[in-house]
Amino acid sequence: MKPLNNPKAAKTRARKRGIVVVLALAGGSALAALAISRDHAGDSVSGQKIQTVSRMESASEKPPSVRPLSELNASEQLTRAYAALFDTSRTEDVKSGDYSYSGGKLLQMGGGHWILLAPANHLEAYPVNLGVLGIFYLAESEGQFAVKGRWPDFVSGSIMGNPPEWEVRNDVSDHPVVVSTAGGVWQGYSCASMSLIELGSEGPRQIAEFPSQYDDSGAKGGDQLVTGIEGRLQNPVKNVRFEVGYEGTRSFTHRYIRTPEGKYALEENDDSVPTC
């Protein structure tokens, strides 16, 4: 029989138990490492999901794009111009100072610059009170207008508080030119004058003025000689000259030449238009 206490067998059994413990510990570490790796992978996926959601939320929170004013219809453009100038949503019968402005025309000048031409009646319709054509320089800013210059009564109108008749021409100067006509009747004499207003980059300026109409038929009777003359702008050569052709009881033509100062001066002639 083998002895019960064999030293060599005991050592062998001890070594085997040690190997088993080491393997168990190693296996546990590997499992723990695998678990930690899986946790990190889960955290990474969660982080990606959070970042994706955050980007989606950020995109959804972006403000809507601003439409350029040029993409709006004329009515909406005019509404925004009046809002900038007069702090109102209306575009008719808007009172400011001595005048009441209604409607008008917006000119897009390029580079985000605009000009509003707004006719206005004088609030007190007396013979000595003239209406006006207001000129306002505007700049586009984030879909709205900002005011850059105000000339609310730059162009004089007619008597009894009426604004002038006017149009915009592009064949007289490199800049747009407002051609306005205003006048009235005094004791049977009817007279009108025409003004040319150049809309330059720094502001408006008058570059010409001349009589455009005369009629004395309301002041004369019987066998008295009546004079009636009316003129119109014609044959412009941009930045050089234009003519005013007169028709009526007499017919003749006046020629205006541009001077070095930028204004137009009448050439010498023998015909003249009576004035009131």
Foldseek 3Di string as FASTA:
>chain_A
DDDPDDPVVVVVVVVVVVVVVVVVVVVVVVVVVVVVVVVVVVVVVVVVVVVVVVVVVVVVPDDDAFDALVPDDFLVNQQLVCCQVQVDSDQFQRDDDQWGWHDFDWDDDDPQKIKTWIWIFGPQQAQVAWTATKIWIWGDDRNGTHTDDTDGHVGTAEHRRGYWDWDWDCQAEVAIKIWTKHWQADQQKTWIKIWIWGQDPVGIDTQDIATAWIWRPGNDDDPDDIWTKGWDWDDHHYQFKTKIWMDTPDTDIWIWGADPVGHTDTDDDDDGDDDD
